[in-house]
Amino acid sequence: VSPWEVLPPVFTKEDLKLNVNDKTLTISYDKKEEEAAADTKWLRREFKVRSFKRNFTLSDKVDIEKISASFENGILFLNLPKKETAIVTNKVIDIL
């Protein structure tokens, strides 16, 4: 059994944010968790803040308008297609 099948996903699709600004792709995650524990004499509340932010510089060859993302089983998949380049053609021109 693969560990990916046993462990639950840490992130959800709603927790992740993807932004492209100029040539920088930013992937960020920010989630606040509240934990309450009751004892016979005490009541306590703890707040956990988990976050990260990662920036990637995109090449000029990436078509920013066609970037897509999907999220499956806790794994984020990004598709960064290349721009279509001009088709180079060779043609012999006859002189009349």
Protein backbone atom coordinates (compact mmCIF):
# COMPACT_ATOMS: atom_id res chain seq x y z
CA VAL A 1 0.00 0.00 0.00
CA SER A 2 1.36 3.36 -1.00
CA PRO A 3 1.76 6.01 1.77
CA TRP A 4 -0.29 8.37 -0.42
CA GLU A 5 -3.27 6.03 -0.06
CA VAL A 6 -2.99 5.78 3.73
CA LEU A 7 -2.37 9.39 4.76
CA PRO A 8 -5.13 11.96 4.37
CA PRO A 9 -4.32 15.08 2.31
CA VAL A 10 -2.80 17.90 4.35
CA PHE A 11 -4.16 20.63 2.07
CA THR A 12 -7.52 21.15 0.48
CA LYS A 13 -8.16 22.84 -2.83
CA GLU A 14 -9.88 25.74 -1.08
CA ASP A 15 -6.81 26.45 1.10
CA LEU A 16 -4.46 27.01 -1.84
CA LYS A 17 -4.16 30.22 -3.84
CA LEU A 18 -2.41 30.57 -7.20
CA ASN A 19 -1.56 33.96 -8.68
CA VAL A 20 0.47 35.14 -11.65
CA ASN A 21 1.83 38.66 -11.49
CA ASP A 22 3.96 39.68 -14.46
CA LYS A 23 6.36 36.70 -14.78
CA THR A 24 6.05 35.42 -11.21
CA LEU A 25 3.85 32.46 -10.26
CA THR A 26 2.94 32.48 -6.55
CA ILE A 27 1.58 29.44 -4.72
CA SER A 28 0.39 30.19 -1.20
CA TYR A 29 -1.39 28.41 1.61
CA ASP A 30 -2.84 29.98 4.74
CA LYS A 31 -5.02 28.16 7.23
CA LYS A 32 -5.83 28.86 10.82
CA GLU A 33 -6.91 25.97 12.99
CA GLU A 34 -8.64 26.29 16.31
CA GLU A 35 -8.29 23.57 18.91
CA ALA A 36 -10.25 23.41 22.14
CA ALA A 37 -9.60 21.02 25.00
CA ALA A 38 -11.72 20.65 28.10
CA ASP A 39 -10.39 19.32 31.38
CA THR A 40 -12.18 19.05 34.68
CA LYS A 41 -10.78 22.37 35.91
CA TRP A 42 -9.49 24.11 32.79
CA LEU A 43 -10.67 25.11 29.39
CA ARG A 44 -8.00 26.08 26.90
CA ARG A 45 -8.01 27.18 23.31
CA GLU A 46 -5.05 26.97 21.00
CA PHE A 47 -4.69 28.51 17.58
CA LYS A 48 -2.39 27.04 14.98
CA VAL A 49 -1.43 29.06 11.96
CA ARG A 50 0.05 27.14 9.08
CA SER A 51 1.10 28.98 6.00
CA PHE A 52 3.63 29.05 3.21
CA LYS A 53 4.30 31.07 0.12
CA ARG A 54 6.50 30.09 -2.81
CA ASN A 55 7.36 32.19 -5.86
CA PHE A 56 8.52 30.88 -9.23
CA THR A 57 9.88 33.02 -12.03
CA LEU A 58 8.31 32.03 -15.33
CA SER A 59 10.19 31.90 -18.60
CA ASP A 60 9.21 34.07 -21.56
CA LYS A 61 8.31 30.82 -23.32
CA VAL A 62 5.36 30.12 -20.95
CA ASP A 63 1.92 31.13 -22.22
CA ILE A 64 0.53 32.76 -19.07
CA GLU A 65 -3.02 32.93 -20.46
CA LYS A 66 -3.17 29.12 -20.80
CA ILE A 67 -1.83 28.10 -17.36
CA SER A 68 -4.14 25.60 -15.66
CA ALA A 69 -4.16 23.71 -12.38
CA SER A 70 -5.86 20.66 -10.93
CA PHE A 71 -5.92 19.13 -7.46
CA GLU A 72 -6.24 15.38 -6.86
CA ASN A 73 -5.71 13.40 -3.66
CA GLY A 74 -3.83 16.26 -1.97
CA ILE A 75 -1.48 16.84 -4.91
CA LEU A 76 -1.46 20.06 -6.94
CA PHE A 77 -0.79 19.63 -10.67
CA LEU A 78 0.19 22.65 -12.75
CA ASN A 79 0.16 22.80 -16.55
CA LEU A 80 2.46 25.51 -17.94
CA PRO A 81 2.14 25.34 -21.73
CA LYS A 82 4.73 26.89 -24.01
CA LYS A 83 3.84 29.71 -26.34
CA GLU A 84 3.40 28.70 -29.92
CA THR A 85 6.42 29.81 -31.86
CA ALA A 86 6.29 31.21 -35.35
CA ILE A 87 6.42 28.43 -37.90
CA VAL A 88 9.61 28.64 -39.91
CA THR A 89 8.98 27.93 -43.57
CA ASN A 90 11.35 27.74 -46.45
CA LYS A 91 10.10 28.80 -49.82
CA VAL A 92 11.83 29.27 -53.10
CA ILE A 93 10.55 32.31 -54.95
CA ASP A 94 10.72 32.22 -58.72
CA ILE A 95 11.81 35.40 -60.47
CA LEU A 96 9.53 36.29 -63.37
